[in-house]
Amino acid sequence: MLYLMEVMQFFLGLRHRGLRPVETVSTVSRICAENWGSINLVIASEKSLACSSATKVVVLTWLELSKTSVSLHLNIFWTTLMWIIAIVSLPGRFLAALRRERKELQKQFQAALKEHKMMELMLDELEMIHEEATNKIALLESEDCSLKTDQKHGVVE
């Protein structure tokens, strides 16, 4: 608290010496920035400040302005950092997505191969049944022809 009193007296002393407000404010801002923690402690106990309310308003306004300025720069830095990380990690995320897609396509391909093999087996079985049926039809036709020729010649069993 004593330190803030010194800052205020310094501020008032600069003002009485005829310095421009910009120089006064930048000097106070520098001092406040150097001792940010102790100033926050003193601001918490505003009741004990023995300064004019105008000086309080000026100091608190400049402190708020300093906080906002630092916050803005940190926000810009943080946003820039997040964009850089996002852009740098993009190829890695792209490759991970490709790997997942490849695994899924491999599973689908394996399922299609199994289905193809089962269809081939079913087709082979149908072809075998068809061939047996064709052979049986040919055998029956040959028996029918032989029966017809036997009937023509008069040999009946």
C-alpha atoms as a PDB file:
ATOM      1  CA  MET A   1       0.000   0.000   0.000  1.00  0.00           C
ATOM      2  CA  LEU A   2       2.874   2.284   0.722  1.00  0.00           C
ATOM      3  CA  TYR A   3       4.172   1.662  -2.779  1.00  0.00           C
ATOM      4  CA  LEU A   4       0.912   2.767  -4.372  1.00  0.00           C
ATOM      5  CA  MET A   5       1.026   5.925  -2.314  1.00  0.00           C
ATOM      6  CA  GLU A   6       4.505   6.584  -3.677  1.00  0.00           C
ATOM      7  CA  VAL A   7       3.234   5.994  -7.227  1.00  0.00           C
ATOM      8  CA  MET A   8       0.378   8.426  -6.662  1.00  0.00           C
ATOM      9  CA  GLN A   9       2.715  11.040  -5.189  1.00  0.00           C
ATOM     10  CA  PHE A  10       5.065  10.522  -8.120  1.00  0.00           C
ATOM     11  CA  PHE A  11       2.137  10.918 -10.489  1.00  0.00           C
ATOM     12  CA  LEU A  12       1.011  14.125  -8.800  1.00  0.00           C
ATOM     13  CA  GLY A  13       4.592  15.403  -8.718  1.00  0.00           C
ATOM     14  CA  LEU A  14       4.968  14.877 -12.463  1.00  0.00           C
ATOM     15  CA  ARG A  15       1.718  16.646 -13.070  1.00  0.00           C
ATOM     16  CA  HIS A  16       2.832  19.645 -11.007  1.00  0.00           C
ATOM     17  CA  ARG A  17       6.160  19.833 -12.838  1.00  0.00           C
ATOM     18  CA  GLY A  18       4.320  20.627 -16.070  1.00  0.00           C
ATOM     19  CA  LEU A  19       4.888  17.379 -17.945  1.00  0.00           C
ATOM     20  CA  ARG A  20       2.429  16.472 -20.650  1.00  0.00           C
ATOM     21  CA  PRO A  21      -0.288  13.930 -19.745  1.00  0.00           C
ATOM     22  CA  VAL A  22       1.117  11.367 -22.188  1.00  0.00           C
ATOM     23  CA  GLU A  23       4.517  11.427 -20.486  1.00  0.00           C
ATOM     24  CA  THR A  24       2.892  11.238 -17.067  1.00  0.00           C
ATOM     25  CA  VAL A  25       0.651   8.357 -18.041  1.00  0.00           C
ATOM     26  CA  SER A  26       3.434   6.372 -19.702  1.00  0.00           C
ATOM     27  CA  THR A  27       5.632   6.805 -16.626  1.00  0.00           C
ATOM     28  CA  VAL A  28       2.854   5.678 -14.293  1.00  0.00           C
ATOM     29  CA  SER A  29       2.022   2.785 -16.617  1.00  0.00           C
ATOM     30  CA  ARG A  30       5.669   1.689 -16.580  1.00  0.00           C
ATOM     31  CA  ILE A  31       5.802   1.824 -12.787  1.00  0.00           C
ATOM     32  CA  CYS A  32       2.485  -0.022 -12.534  1.00  0.00           C
ATOM     33  CA  ALA A  33       3.650  -2.673 -14.981  1.00  0.00           C
ATOM     34  CA  GLU A  34       6.840  -3.243 -12.992  1.00  0.00           C
ATOM     35  CA  ASN A  35       4.939  -3.817  -9.752  1.00  0.00           C
ATOM     36  CA  TRP A  36       1.646  -5.281 -10.925  1.00  0.00           C
ATOM     37  CA  GLY A  37       1.150  -7.619  -7.948  1.00  0.00           C
ATOM     38  CA  SER A  38       1.573  -5.009  -5.234  1.00  0.00           C
ATOM     39  CA  ILE A  39      -0.708  -2.578  -7.056  1.00  0.00           C
ATOM     40  CA  ASN A  40      -3.443  -5.200  -7.309  1.00  0.00           C
ATOM     41  CA  LEU A  41      -3.104  -5.768  -3.561  1.00  0.00           C
ATOM     42  CA  VAL A  42      -3.529  -2.080  -2.853  1.00  0.00           C
ATOM     43  CA  ILE A  43      -6.451  -1.740  -5.242  1.00  0.00           C
ATOM     44  CA  ALA A  44      -8.225  -4.476  -3.301  1.00  0.00           C
ATOM     45  CA  SER A  45      -8.148  -2.241  -0.245  1.00  0.00           C
ATOM     46  CA  GLU A  46      -9.237   1.007  -1.921  1.00  0.00           C
ATOM     47  CA  LYS A  47     -10.795   2.348   1.253  1.00  0.00           C
ATOM     48  CA  SER A  48      -7.416   2.983   2.798  1.00  0.00           C
ATOM     49  CA  LEU A  49      -6.120   5.105  -0.089  1.00  0.00           C
ATOM     50  CA  ALA A  50      -5.506   8.674   0.967  1.00  0.00           C
ATOM     51  CA  CYS A  51      -5.748  10.199  -2.492  1.00  0.00           C
ATOM     52  CA  SER A  52      -8.300  12.314  -4.241  1.00  0.00           C
ATOM     53  CA  SER A  53     -11.044  10.444  -6.076  1.00  0.00           C
ATOM     54  CA  ALA A  54      -9.925  11.933  -9.392  1.00  0.00           C
ATOM     55  CA  THR A  55      -6.462  10.457  -8.953  1.00  0.00           C
ATOM     56  CA  LYS A  56      -8.019   7.110  -8.046  1.00  0.00           C
ATOM     57  CA  VAL A  57     -10.115   7.194 -11.185  1.00  0.00           C
ATOM     58  CA  VAL A  58      -7.119   8.070 -13.348  1.00  0.00           C
ATOM     59  CA  VAL A  59      -4.902   5.362 -11.852  1.00  0.00           C
ATOM     60  CA  LEU A  60      -7.651   2.730 -11.941  1.00  0.00           C
ATOM     61  CA  THR A  61      -8.515   3.680 -15.507  1.00  0.00           C
ATOM     62  CA  TRP A  62      -4.902   3.368 -16.595  1.00  0.00           C
ATOM     63  CA  LEU A  63      -4.549   0.090 -14.763  1.00  0.00           C
ATOM     64  CA  GLU A  64      -7.667  -1.209 -16.502  1.00  0.00           C
ATOM     65  CA  LEU A  65      -6.314   0.055 -19.814  1.00  0.00           C
ATOM     66  CA  SER A  66      -2.992  -1.705 -19.151  1.00  0.00           C
ATOM     67  CA  LYS A  67      -4.782  -4.944 -18.269  1.00  0.00           C
ATOM     68  CA  THR A  68      -6.890  -4.712 -21.424  1.00  0.00           C
ATOM     69  CA  SER A  69      -3.831  -3.980 -23.551  1.00  0.00           C
ATOM     70  CA  VAL A  70      -1.977  -6.980 -22.160  1.00  0.00           C
ATOM     71  CA  SER A  71      -5.087  -9.127 -22.502  1.00  0.00           C
ATOM     72  CA  LEU A  72      -5.517  -8.075 -26.124  1.00  0.00           C
ATOM     73  CA  HIS A  73      -1.927  -8.928 -26.983  1.00  0.00           C
ATOM     74  CA  LEU A  74      -2.150 -12.261 -25.184  1.00  0.00           C
ATOM     75  CA  ASN A  75      -5.389 -13.016 -26.996  1.00  0.00           C
ATOM     76  CA  ILE A  76      -3.809 -12.214 -30.368  1.00  0.00           C
ATOM     77  CA  PHE A  77      -0.762 -14.326 -29.483  1.00  0.00           C
ATOM     78  CA  TRP A  78      -2.952 -17.227 -28.320  1.00  0.00           C
ATOM     79  CA  THR A  79      -5.115 -17.107 -31.465  1.00  0.00           C
ATOM     80  CA  THR A  80      -2.040 -16.986 -33.689  1.00  0.00           C
ATOM     81  CA  LEU A  81      -0.504 -19.899 -31.803  1.00  0.00           C
ATOM     82  CA  MET A  82      -3.684 -21.979 -32.203  1.00  0.00           C
ATOM     83  CA  TRP A  83      -3.764 -21.272 -35.950  1.00  0.00           C
ATOM     84  CA  ILE A  84      -0.109 -22.260 -36.298  1.00  0.00           C
ATOM     85  CA  ILE A  85      -0.713 -25.494 -34.390  1.00  0.00           C
ATOM     86  CA  ALA A  86      -3.801 -26.235 -36.487  1.00  0.00           C
ATOM     87  CA  ILE A  87      -1.952 -25.643 -39.749  1.00  0.00           C
ATOM     88  CA  VAL A  88       1.119 -27.622 -38.692  1.00  0.00           C
ATOM     89  CA  SER A  89      -0.955 -30.565 -37.444  1.00  0.00           C
ATOM     90  CA  LEU A  90      -3.153 -30.648 -40.553  1.00  0.00           C
ATOM     91  CA  PRO A  91      -1.003 -33.153 -42.517  1.00  0.00           C
ATOM     92  CA  GLY A  92      -0.889 -35.481 -39.514  1.00  0.00           C
ATOM     93  CA  ARG A  93      -4.645 -35.347 -39.070  1.00  0.00           C
ATOM     94  CA  PHE A  94      -5.060 -35.900 -42.809  1.00  0.00           C
ATOM     95  CA  LEU A  95      -2.840 -39.000 -42.697  1.00  0.00           C
ATOM     96  CA  ALA A  96      -4.701 -40.358 -39.664  1.00  0.00           C
ATOM     97  CA  ALA A  97      -8.001 -39.949 -41.518  1.00  0.00           C
ATOM     98  CA  LEU A  98      -6.542 -41.719 -44.557  1.00  0.00           C
ATOM     99  CA  ARG A  99      -5.354 -44.616 -42.372  1.00  0.00           C
ATOM    100  CA  ARG A 100      -8.800 -44.993 -40.810  1.00  0.00           C
ATOM    101  CA  GLU A 101     -10.410 -44.896 -44.242  1.00  0.00           C
ATOM    102  CA  ARG A 102      -7.918 -47.451 -45.575  1.00  0.00           C
ATOM    103  CA  LYS A 103      -8.648 -49.867 -42.721  1.00  0.00           C
ATOM    104  CA  GLU A 104     -12.375 -49.527 -43.326  1.00  0.00           C
ATOM    105  CA  LEU A 105     -11.929 -50.104 -47.061  1.00  0.00           C
ATOM    106  CA  GLN A 106      -9.731 -53.152 -46.373  1.00  0.00           C
ATOM    107  CA  LYS A 107     -12.472 -54.639 -44.177  1.00  0.00           C
ATOM    108  CA  GLN A 108     -15.043 -54.019 -46.894  1.00  0.00           C
ATOM    109  CA  PHE A 109     -12.697 -55.535 -49.497  1.00  0.00           C
ATOM    110  CA  GLN A 110     -12.145 -58.657 -47.384  1.00  0.00           C
ATOM    111  CA  ALA A 111     -15.914 -59.049 -46.933  1.00  0.00           C
ATOM    112  CA  ALA A 112     -16.397 -58.648 -50.701  1.00  0.00           C
ATOM    113  CA  LEU A 113     -13.702 -61.289 -51.371  1.00  0.00           C
ATOM    114  CA  LYS A 114     -15.403 -63.767 -49.014  1.00  0.00           C
ATOM    115  CA  GLU A 115     -18.739 -63.095 -50.671  1.00  0.00           C
ATOM    116  CA  HIS A 116     -17.131 -63.562 -54.109  1.00  0.00           C
ATOM    117  CA  LYS A 117     -15.627 -66.927 -53.067  1.00  0.00           C
ATOM    118  CA  MET A 118     -18.970 -68.086 -51.691  1.00  0.00           C
ATOM    119  CA  MET A 119     -20.680 -67.073 -54.947  1.00  0.00           C
ATOM    120  CA  GLU A 120     -18.055 -68.970 -56.943  1.00  0.00           C
ATOM    121  CA  LEU A 121     -18.632 -72.091 -54.821  1.00  0.00           C
ATOM    122  CA  MET A 122     -22.377 -71.782 -55.245  1.00  0.00           C
ATOM    123  CA  LEU A 123     -21.922 -71.303 -58.996  1.00  0.00           C
ATOM    124  CA  ASP A 124     -19.626 -74.349 -59.198  1.00  0.00           C
ATOM    125  CA  GLU A 125     -22.224 -76.378 -57.314  1.00  0.00           C
ATOM    126  CA  LEU A 126     -24.990 -75.168 -59.650  1.00  0.00           C
ATOM    127  CA  GLU A 127     -22.830 -75.955 -62.683  1.00  0.00           C
ATOM    128  CA  MET A 128     -22.203 -79.458 -61.328  1.00  0.00           C
ATOM    129  CA  ILE A 129     -25.933 -79.970 -60.728  1.00  0.00           C
ATOM    130  CA  HIS A 130     -26.628 -78.613 -64.209  1.00  0.00           C
ATOM    131  CA  GLU A 131     -24.043 -80.931 -65.741  1.00  0.00           C
ATOM    132  CA  GLU A 132     -25.526 -83.943 -63.918  1.00  0.00           C
ATOM    133  CA  ALA A 133     -28.993 -82.929 -65.074  1.00  0.00           C
ATOM    134  CA  THR A 134     -27.737 -82.485 -68.645  1.00  0.00           C
ATOM    135  CA  ASN A 135     -26.033 -85.912 -68.540  1.00  0.00           C
ATOM    136  CA  LYS A 136     -29.216 -87.493 -67.152  1.00  0.00           C
ATOM    137  CA  ILE A 137     -31.285 -85.817 -69.881  1.00  0.00           C
ATOM    138  CA  ALA A 138     -28.829 -87.079 -72.524  1.00  0.00           C
ATOM    139  CA  LEU A 139     -28.992 -90.573 -71.042  1.00  0.00           C
ATOM    140  CA  LEU A 140     -32.787 -90.513 -70.990  1.00  0.00           C
ATOM    141  CA  GLU A 141     -32.871 -89.227 -74.567  1.00  0.00           C
ATOM    142  CA  SER A 142     -30.540 -91.992 -75.694  1.00  0.00           C
ATOM    143  CA  GLU A 143     -32.696 -94.569 -73.897  1.00  0.00           C
ATOM    144  CA  ASP A 144     -35.773 -93.042 -75.514  1.00  0.00           C
ATOM    145  CA  CYS A 145     -34.154 -93.223 -78.940  1.00  0.00           C
ATOM    146  CA  SER A 146     -33.138 -96.810 -78.380  1.00  0.00           C
ATOM    147  CA  LEU A 147     -36.681 -97.670 -77.273  1.00  0.00           C
ATOM    148  CA  LYS A 148     -38.116 -95.974 -80.349  1.00  0.00           C
ATOM    149  CA  THR A 149     -35.730 -97.833 -82.648  1.00  0.00           C
ATOM    150  CA  ASP A 150     -36.571-101.091 -80.888  1.00  0.00           C
ATOM    151  CA  GLN A 151     -40.270-100.436 -81.352  1.00  0.00           C
ATOM    152  CA  LYS A 152     -39.736 -99.750 -85.009  1.00  0.00           C
ATOM    153  CA  HIS A 153     -37.942-103.023 -85.458  1.00  0.00           C
ATOM    154  CA  GLY A 154     -40.535-104.828 -83.453  1.00  0.00           C
ATOM    155  CA  VAL A 155     -38.484-105.751 -80.478  1.00  0.00           C
ATOM    156  CA  VAL A 156     -40.373-104.971 -77.340  1.00  0.00           C
ATOM    157  CA  GLU A 157     -39.162-105.804 -73.965  1.00  0.00           C
END
